[in-house]
Amino acid sequence: MKLKITAFLTVLLAVLLVGCTAPAAETAEADLPAAFENVSPEGFESLMKEEHLLLDVRTQEEYDVGHIADAVLIPVDELPDRISEIEAYQDMPVLVYCRSGNRSAVASGILVDAGFNQVYNLLGGFNAWQVYK
């Protein structure tokens, strides 16, 4: 009799553990924000054919030396405080670049966290863009 109770409790415990953990994993995945997409210079140029926001997240000095036409400059370290300036673009493609792709990846994450759902990071940044063009 004691063996039957032990077996029953073991099975019950296993069912409860599996039943409690599976929905939590599904819920955690559902709560994750959408991620940004890294794109090549060719893909970036293709995205520029549609209505979009082109966001340069480098410094003013870097921007002054050269930038992609029609880019809006908001340095990555200012982006969290200036996000309201671009909220109108939340549901549109936002194309983000920096010098090499690192700061723009950080900026892309900031945008996704702020509710932007079509964020594209230029792989290789402005350096790659200049080689491509």
N, C-alpha and C. Protein backbone atom coordinates (compact mmCIF):
# COMPACT_ATOMS: atom_id res chain seq x y z
N MET A 1 0.82 -1.19 0.00
CA MET A 1 0.00 0.00 0.00
C MET A 1 0.87 1.26 0.00
N LYS A 2 1.93 1.25 0.84
CA LYS A 2 2.81 2.39 0.91
C LYS A 2 3.50 2.62 -0.43
N LEU A 3 3.81 1.56 -1.16
CA LEU A 3 4.45 1.66 -2.47
C LEU A 3 3.52 2.31 -3.48
N LYS A 4 2.21 1.99 -3.42
CA LYS A 4 1.23 2.58 -4.32
C LYS A 4 1.10 4.08 -4.06
N ILE A 5 1.08 4.48 -2.82
CA ILE A 5 0.96 5.89 -2.47
C ILE A 5 2.20 6.65 -2.94
N THR A 6 3.36 6.08 -2.73
CA THR A 6 4.61 6.71 -3.15
C THR A 6 4.64 6.86 -4.67
N ALA A 7 4.22 5.83 -5.39
CA ALA A 7 4.19 5.89 -6.86
C ALA A 7 3.19 6.95 -7.31
N PHE A 8 2.02 6.99 -6.67
CA PHE A 8 1.00 7.97 -7.03
C PHE A 8 1.51 9.39 -6.79
N LEU A 9 2.13 9.63 -5.65
CA LEU A 9 2.64 10.96 -5.34
C LEU A 9 3.77 11.36 -6.30
N THR A 10 4.59 10.43 -6.71
CA THR A 10 5.67 10.71 -7.66
C THR A 10 5.10 11.13 -9.00
N VAL A 11 4.10 10.40 -9.49
CA VAL A 11 3.46 10.73 -10.76
C VAL A 11 2.75 12.08 -10.65
N LEU A 12 2.05 12.31 -9.56
CA LEU A 12 1.34 13.57 -9.36
C LEU A 12 2.32 14.75 -9.34
N LEU A 13 3.42 14.59 -8.65
CA LEU A 13 4.44 15.63 -8.60
C LEU A 13 5.02 15.91 -9.99
N ALA A 14 5.29 14.89 -10.75
CA ALA A 14 5.82 15.05 -12.11
C ALA A 14 4.82 15.80 -12.99
N VAL A 15 3.54 15.44 -12.91
CA VAL A 15 2.51 16.11 -13.70
C VAL A 15 2.40 17.58 -13.31
N LEU A 16 2.44 17.86 -12.02
CA LEU A 16 2.34 19.24 -11.56
C LEU A 16 3.54 20.07 -12.01
N LEU A 17 4.73 19.49 -11.94
CA LEU A 17 5.93 20.22 -12.37
C LEU A 17 5.88 20.53 -13.87
N VAL A 18 5.53 19.57 -14.67
CA VAL A 18 5.45 19.78 -16.12
C VAL A 18 4.32 20.74 -16.44
N GLY A 19 3.20 20.58 -15.80
CA GLY A 19 2.05 21.45 -16.05
C GLY A 19 2.30 22.89 -15.64
N CYS A 20 3.11 23.12 -14.64
CA CYS A 20 3.36 24.49 -14.18
C CYS A 20 4.44 25.19 -14.98
N THR A 21 5.39 24.46 -15.54
CA THR A 21 6.49 25.12 -16.23
C THR A 21 6.20 25.40 -17.69
N ALA A 22 5.46 24.59 -18.38
CA ALA A 22 5.23 24.79 -19.81
C ALA A 22 4.53 26.11 -20.12
N PRO A 23 3.43 26.45 -19.47
CA PRO A 23 2.79 27.72 -19.80
C PRO A 23 3.68 28.92 -19.49
N ALA A 24 4.51 28.84 -18.47
CA ALA A 24 5.38 29.96 -18.14
C ALA A 24 6.34 30.24 -19.29
N ALA A 25 6.88 29.21 -19.91
CA ALA A 25 7.79 29.40 -21.03
C ALA A 25 7.06 30.03 -22.21
N GLU A 26 5.83 29.58 -22.47
CA GLU A 26 5.07 30.15 -23.57
C GLU A 26 4.75 31.62 -23.30
N THR A 27 4.41 31.94 -22.07
CA THR A 27 4.09 33.31 -21.71
C THR A 27 5.32 34.19 -21.83
N ALA A 28 6.47 33.70 -21.41
CA ALA A 28 7.70 34.49 -21.50
C ALA A 28 8.01 34.81 -22.95
N GLU A 29 7.86 33.86 -23.86
CA GLU A 29 8.11 34.11 -25.28
C GLU A 29 7.12 35.12 -25.84
N ALA A 30 5.88 35.04 -25.43
CA ALA A 30 4.86 35.95 -25.94
C ALA A 30 5.11 37.39 -25.47
N ASP A 31 5.76 37.56 -24.31
CA ASP A 31 6.01 38.88 -23.77
C ASP A 31 7.26 39.55 -24.34
N LEU A 32 8.07 38.79 -25.08
CA LEU A 32 9.29 39.36 -25.63
C LEU A 32 8.96 40.36 -26.74
N PRO A 33 9.64 41.52 -26.76
CA PRO A 33 9.40 42.47 -27.84
C PRO A 33 9.98 41.94 -29.14
N ALA A 34 9.45 42.43 -30.24
CA ALA A 34 9.99 42.03 -31.53
C ALA A 34 11.43 42.50 -31.60
N ALA A 35 12.23 41.78 -32.33
CA ALA A 35 13.63 42.14 -32.48
C ALA A 35 13.82 42.98 -33.74
N PHE A 36 14.93 43.70 -33.79
CA PHE A 36 15.28 44.42 -35.00
C PHE A 36 15.95 43.45 -35.97
N GLU A 37 16.06 43.87 -37.21
CA GLU A 37 16.67 43.02 -38.24
C GLU A 37 17.94 43.67 -38.75
N ASN A 38 19.01 42.91 -38.80
CA ASN A 38 20.25 43.37 -39.40
C ASN A 38 20.15 43.17 -40.91
N VAL A 39 20.51 44.20 -41.69
CA VAL A 39 20.42 44.10 -43.14
C VAL A 39 21.71 44.58 -43.80
N SER A 40 21.98 44.03 -44.94
CA SER A 40 23.15 44.40 -45.75
C SER A 40 22.92 45.78 -46.36
N PRO A 41 23.96 46.40 -46.88
CA PRO A 41 23.76 47.67 -47.59
C PRO A 41 22.76 47.55 -48.74
N GLU A 42 22.76 46.44 -49.44
CA GLU A 42 21.80 46.23 -50.53
C GLU A 42 20.37 46.20 -50.00
N GLY A 43 20.17 45.48 -48.91
CA GLY A 43 18.84 45.41 -48.30
C GLY A 43 18.41 46.75 -47.73
N PHE A 44 19.35 47.47 -47.18
CA PHE A 44 19.09 48.80 -46.62
C PHE A 44 18.62 49.74 -47.73
N GLU A 45 19.32 49.71 -48.87
CA GLU A 45 18.94 50.56 -49.99
C GLU A 45 17.56 50.19 -50.51
N SER A 46 17.26 48.91 -50.55
CA SER A 46 15.93 48.47 -50.98
C SER A 46 14.84 48.99 -50.06
N LEU A 47 15.10 48.97 -48.75
CA LEU A 47 14.12 49.48 -47.77
C LEU A 47 13.92 50.98 -47.91
N MET A 48 14.92 51.68 -48.41
CA MET A 48 14.83 53.12 -48.56
C MET A 48 13.87 53.53 -49.68
N LYS A 49 13.43 52.59 -50.49
CA LYS A 49 12.50 52.90 -51.58
C LYS A 49 11.08 53.12 -51.07
N GLU A 50 10.79 52.66 -49.85
CA GLU A 50 9.47 52.84 -49.24
C GLU A 50 9.54 54.02 -48.27
N GLU A 51 8.38 54.47 -47.80
CA GLU A 51 8.36 55.53 -46.79
C GLU A 51 9.05 55.00 -45.54
N HIS A 52 9.94 55.80 -44.96
CA HIS A 52 10.75 55.34 -43.84
C HIS A 52 11.33 56.53 -43.08
N LEU A 53 11.94 56.22 -41.95
CA LEU A 53 12.78 57.17 -41.22
C LEU A 53 14.19 56.63 -41.29
N LEU A 54 15.12 57.46 -41.75
CA LEU A 54 16.53 57.10 -41.80
C LEU A 54 17.21 57.78 -40.61
N LEU A 55 17.72 56.99 -39.70
CA LEU A 55 18.24 57.51 -38.44
C LEU A 55 19.74 57.26 -38.32
N ASP A 56 20.50 58.34 -38.25
CA ASP A 56 21.96 58.30 -38.04
C ASP A 56 22.18 58.49 -36.55
N VAL A 57 22.85 57.53 -35.90
CA VAL A 57 23.04 57.60 -34.45
C VAL A 57 24.50 57.89 -34.07
N ARG A 58 25.26 58.42 -35.02
CA ARG A 58 26.64 58.80 -34.74
C ARG A 58 26.69 60.18 -34.07
N THR A 59 27.88 60.69 -33.88
CA THR A 59 28.03 62.02 -33.29
C THR A 59 27.82 63.10 -34.35
N GLN A 60 27.61 64.32 -33.89
CA GLN A 60 27.47 65.45 -34.81
C GLN A 60 28.71 65.59 -35.69
N GLU A 61 29.88 65.40 -35.12
CA GLU A 61 31.13 65.52 -35.87
C GLU A 61 31.19 64.48 -37.00
N GLU A 62 30.83 63.24 -36.70
CA GLU A 62 30.83 62.19 -37.72
C GLU A 62 29.81 62.51 -38.82
N TYR A 63 28.65 62.97 -38.41
CA TYR A 63 27.59 63.33 -39.35
C TYR A 63 28.06 64.44 -40.29
N ASP A 64 28.74 65.45 -39.74
CA ASP A 64 29.20 66.58 -40.52
C ASP A 64 30.23 66.17 -41.58
N VAL A 65 31.02 65.16 -41.30
CA VAL A 65 32.01 64.68 -42.26
C VAL A 65 31.34 63.99 -43.44
N GLY A 66 30.22 63.34 -43.20
CA GLY A 66 29.48 62.66 -44.26
C GLY A 66 28.35 61.83 -43.70
N HIS A 67 27.25 61.78 -44.44
CA HIS A 67 26.09 61.00 -43.99
C HIS A 67 25.25 60.61 -45.21
N ILE A 68 24.33 59.70 -45.01
CA ILE A 68 23.40 59.30 -46.06
C ILE A 68 22.35 60.40 -46.19
N ALA A 69 22.05 60.76 -47.42
CA ALA A 69 21.08 61.83 -47.68
C ALA A 69 19.76 61.59 -46.94
N ASP A 70 19.21 62.65 -46.39
CA ASP A 70 17.92 62.68 -45.69
C ASP A 70 17.95 62.00 -44.32
N ALA A 71 19.13 61.70 -43.81
CA ALA A 71 19.22 61.08 -42.49
C ALA A 71 18.93 62.09 -41.39
N VAL A 72 18.23 61.65 -40.37
CA VAL A 72 17.98 62.43 -39.17
C VAL A 72 19.05 62.03 -38.16
N LEU A 73 19.71 63.02 -37.58
CA LEU A 73 20.77 62.73 -36.61
C LEU A 73 20.22 62.78 -35.19
N ILE A 74 20.30 61.65 -34.50
CA ILE A 74 20.07 61.58 -33.05
C ILE A 74 21.14 60.64 -32.51
N PRO A 75 22.21 61.18 -31.92
CA PRO A 75 23.26 60.32 -31.38
C PRO A 75 22.70 59.28 -30.41
N VAL A 76 23.27 58.10 -30.44
CA VAL A 76 22.73 56.99 -29.65
C VAL A 76 22.63 57.34 -28.16
N ASP A 77 23.58 58.10 -27.64
CA ASP A 77 23.51 58.43 -26.21
C ASP A 77 22.41 59.42 -25.88
N GLU A 78 21.85 60.09 -26.88
CA GLU A 78 20.73 61.01 -26.68
C GLU A 78 19.37 60.38 -27.00
N LEU A 79 19.40 59.23 -27.65
CA LEU A 79 18.17 58.61 -28.16
C LEU A 79 17.10 58.38 -27.09
N PRO A 80 17.43 57.82 -25.93
CA PRO A 80 16.36 57.59 -24.94
C PRO A 80 15.62 58.87 -24.55
N ASP A 81 16.35 59.99 -24.48
CA ASP A 81 15.73 61.25 -24.09
C ASP A 81 15.02 61.95 -25.24
N ARG A 82 15.32 61.54 -26.48
CA ARG A 82 14.75 62.23 -27.65
C ARG A 82 13.80 61.35 -28.44
N ILE A 83 13.43 60.21 -27.89
CA ILE A 83 12.57 59.25 -28.60
C ILE A 83 11.24 59.88 -29.02
N SER A 84 10.75 60.84 -28.25
CA SER A 84 9.48 61.49 -28.58
C SER A 84 9.54 62.23 -29.91
N GLU A 85 10.72 62.63 -30.34
CA GLU A 85 10.88 63.34 -31.61
C GLU A 85 10.55 62.48 -32.82
N ILE A 86 10.61 61.16 -32.63
CA ILE A 86 10.39 60.26 -33.77
C ILE A 86 9.25 59.28 -33.55
N GLU A 87 8.44 59.49 -32.51
CA GLU A 87 7.34 58.57 -32.20
C GLU A 87 6.37 58.40 -33.36
N ALA A 88 6.25 59.39 -34.21
CA ALA A 88 5.32 59.30 -35.35
C ALA A 88 5.72 58.18 -36.32
N TYR A 89 6.94 57.70 -36.21
CA TYR A 89 7.45 56.65 -37.11
C TYR A 89 7.37 55.25 -36.49
N GLN A 90 6.68 55.10 -35.37
CA GLN A 90 6.65 53.82 -34.66
C GLN A 90 6.17 52.65 -35.52
N ASP A 91 5.25 52.90 -36.43
CA ASP A 91 4.71 51.81 -37.24
C ASP A 91 5.26 51.81 -38.67
N MET A 92 6.33 52.54 -38.88
CA MET A 92 6.95 52.62 -40.20
C MET A 92 8.36 52.02 -40.11
N PRO A 93 8.94 51.68 -41.25
CA PRO A 93 10.34 51.21 -41.21
C PRO A 93 11.27 52.31 -40.69
N VAL A 94 12.09 51.95 -39.73
CA VAL A 94 13.12 52.86 -39.22
C VAL A 94 14.45 52.21 -39.55
N LEU A 95 15.22 52.90 -40.39
CA LEU A 95 16.51 52.40 -40.85
C LEU A 95 17.60 53.09 -40.05
N VAL A 96 18.40 52.32 -39.33
CA VAL A 96 19.35 52.88 -38.37
C VAL A 96 20.77 52.53 -38.79
N TYR A 97 21.66 53.55 -38.71
CA TYR A 97 23.06 53.28 -38.99
C TYR A 97 23.98 54.13 -38.12
N CYS A 98 25.21 53.65 -37.99
CA CYS A 98 26.28 54.38 -37.32
C CYS A 98 27.54 54.20 -38.17
N ARG A 99 28.70 54.26 -37.60
CA ARG A 99 29.93 54.11 -38.37
C ARG A 99 30.16 52.65 -38.78
N SER A 100 30.02 51.73 -37.81
CA SER A 100 30.37 50.34 -38.09
C SER A 100 29.26 49.33 -37.82
N GLY A 101 28.17 49.77 -37.23
CA GLY A 101 27.05 48.87 -36.95
C GLY A 101 26.85 48.53 -35.49
N ASN A 102 27.80 48.91 -34.63
CA ASN A 102 27.68 48.59 -33.21
C ASN A 102 26.72 49.53 -32.47
N ARG A 103 26.94 50.82 -32.60
CA ARG A 103 26.05 51.78 -31.92
C ARG A 103 24.64 51.70 -32.48
N SER A 104 24.53 51.44 -33.79
CA SER A 104 23.19 51.34 -34.38
C SER A 104 22.45 50.10 -33.87
N ALA A 105 23.18 49.04 -33.55
CA ALA A 105 22.54 47.86 -32.95
C ALA A 105 22.00 48.21 -31.57
N VAL A 106 22.76 48.97 -30.79
CA VAL A 106 22.28 49.43 -29.48
C VAL A 106 21.05 50.31 -29.66
N ALA A 107 21.13 51.25 -30.59
CA ALA A 107 20.00 52.15 -30.86
C ALA A 107 18.78 51.37 -31.32
N SER A 108 18.99 50.36 -32.15
CA SER A 108 17.88 49.54 -32.63
C SER A 108 17.17 48.85 -31.48
N GLY A 109 17.94 48.36 -30.52
CA GLY A 109 17.35 47.75 -29.33
C GLY A 109 16.54 48.75 -28.52
N ILE A 110 17.04 49.98 -28.41
CA ILE A 110 16.31 51.03 -27.70
C ILE A 110 14.98 51.29 -28.40
N LEU A 111 15.01 51.36 -29.72
CA LEU A 111 13.78 51.61 -30.48
C LEU A 111 12.77 50.48 -30.31
N VAL A 112 13.23 49.25 -30.39
CA VAL A 112 12.33 48.11 -30.21
C VAL A 112 11.71 48.15 -28.82
N ASP A 113 12.53 48.43 -27.81
CA ASP A 113 12.02 48.51 -26.44
C ASP A 113 11.00 49.64 -26.28
N ALA A 114 11.11 50.67 -27.12
CA ALA A 114 10.19 51.81 -27.06
C ALA A 114 8.92 51.58 -27.89
N GLY A 115 8.81 50.40 -28.51
CA GLY A 115 7.59 50.08 -29.24
C GLY A 115 7.66 50.20 -30.75
N PHE A 116 8.83 50.51 -31.28
CA PHE A 116 9.00 50.55 -32.74
C PHE A 116 9.05 49.11 -33.23
N ASN A 117 8.27 48.81 -34.28
CA ASN A 117 8.17 47.40 -34.68
C ASN A 117 8.74 47.06 -36.05
N GLN A 118 9.35 48.03 -36.73
CA GLN A 118 10.00 47.76 -38.01
C GLN A 118 11.36 48.46 -38.00
N VAL A 119 12.30 47.87 -37.29
CA VAL A 119 13.61 48.49 -37.11
C VAL A 119 14.66 47.67 -37.86
N TYR A 120 15.46 48.36 -38.67
CA TYR A 120 16.48 47.71 -39.50
C TYR A 120 17.84 48.35 -39.24
N ASN A 121 18.81 47.53 -38.87
CA ASN A 121 20.16 47.97 -38.56
C ASN A 121 21.07 47.68 -39.75
N LEU A 122 21.81 48.70 -40.22
CA LEU A 122 22.73 48.53 -41.34
C LEU A 122 23.99 47.81 -40.88
N LEU A 123 24.18 46.58 -41.37
CA LEU A 123 25.38 45.80 -41.05
C LEU A 123 26.61 46.50 -41.61
N GLY A 124 27.60 46.71 -40.78
CA GLY A 124 28.82 47.37 -41.22
C GLY A 124 28.73 48.88 -41.22
N GLY A 125 27.55 49.42 -40.95
CA GLY A 125 27.34 50.86 -40.82
C GLY A 125 27.71 51.68 -42.04
N PHE A 126 28.03 52.94 -41.77
CA PHE A 126 28.35 53.89 -42.83
C PHE A 126 29.60 53.45 -43.59
N ASN A 127 30.52 52.78 -42.90
CA ASN A 127 31.71 52.25 -43.58
C ASN A 127 31.31 51.30 -44.70
N ALA A 128 30.41 50.37 -44.41
CA ALA A 128 29.95 49.41 -45.42
C ALA A 128 29.15 50.12 -46.51
N TRP A 129 28.38 51.12 -46.12
CA TRP A 129 27.58 51.88 -47.09
C TRP A 129 28.49 52.57 -48.12
N GLN A 130 29.58 53.18 -47.64
CA GLN A 130 30.50 53.87 -48.54
C GLN A 130 31.17 52.89 -49.50
N VAL A 131 31.52 51.72 -49.04
CA VAL A 131 32.10 50.70 -49.92
C VAL A 131 31.08 50.27 -50.96
N TYR A 132 29.84 50.08 -50.52
CA TYR A 132 28.75 49.65 -51.41
C TYR A 132 28.47 50.70 -52.47
N LYS A 133 28.46 51.96 -52.09
CA LYS A 133 28.14 53.03 -53.03
C LYS A 133 29.37 53.44 -53.79
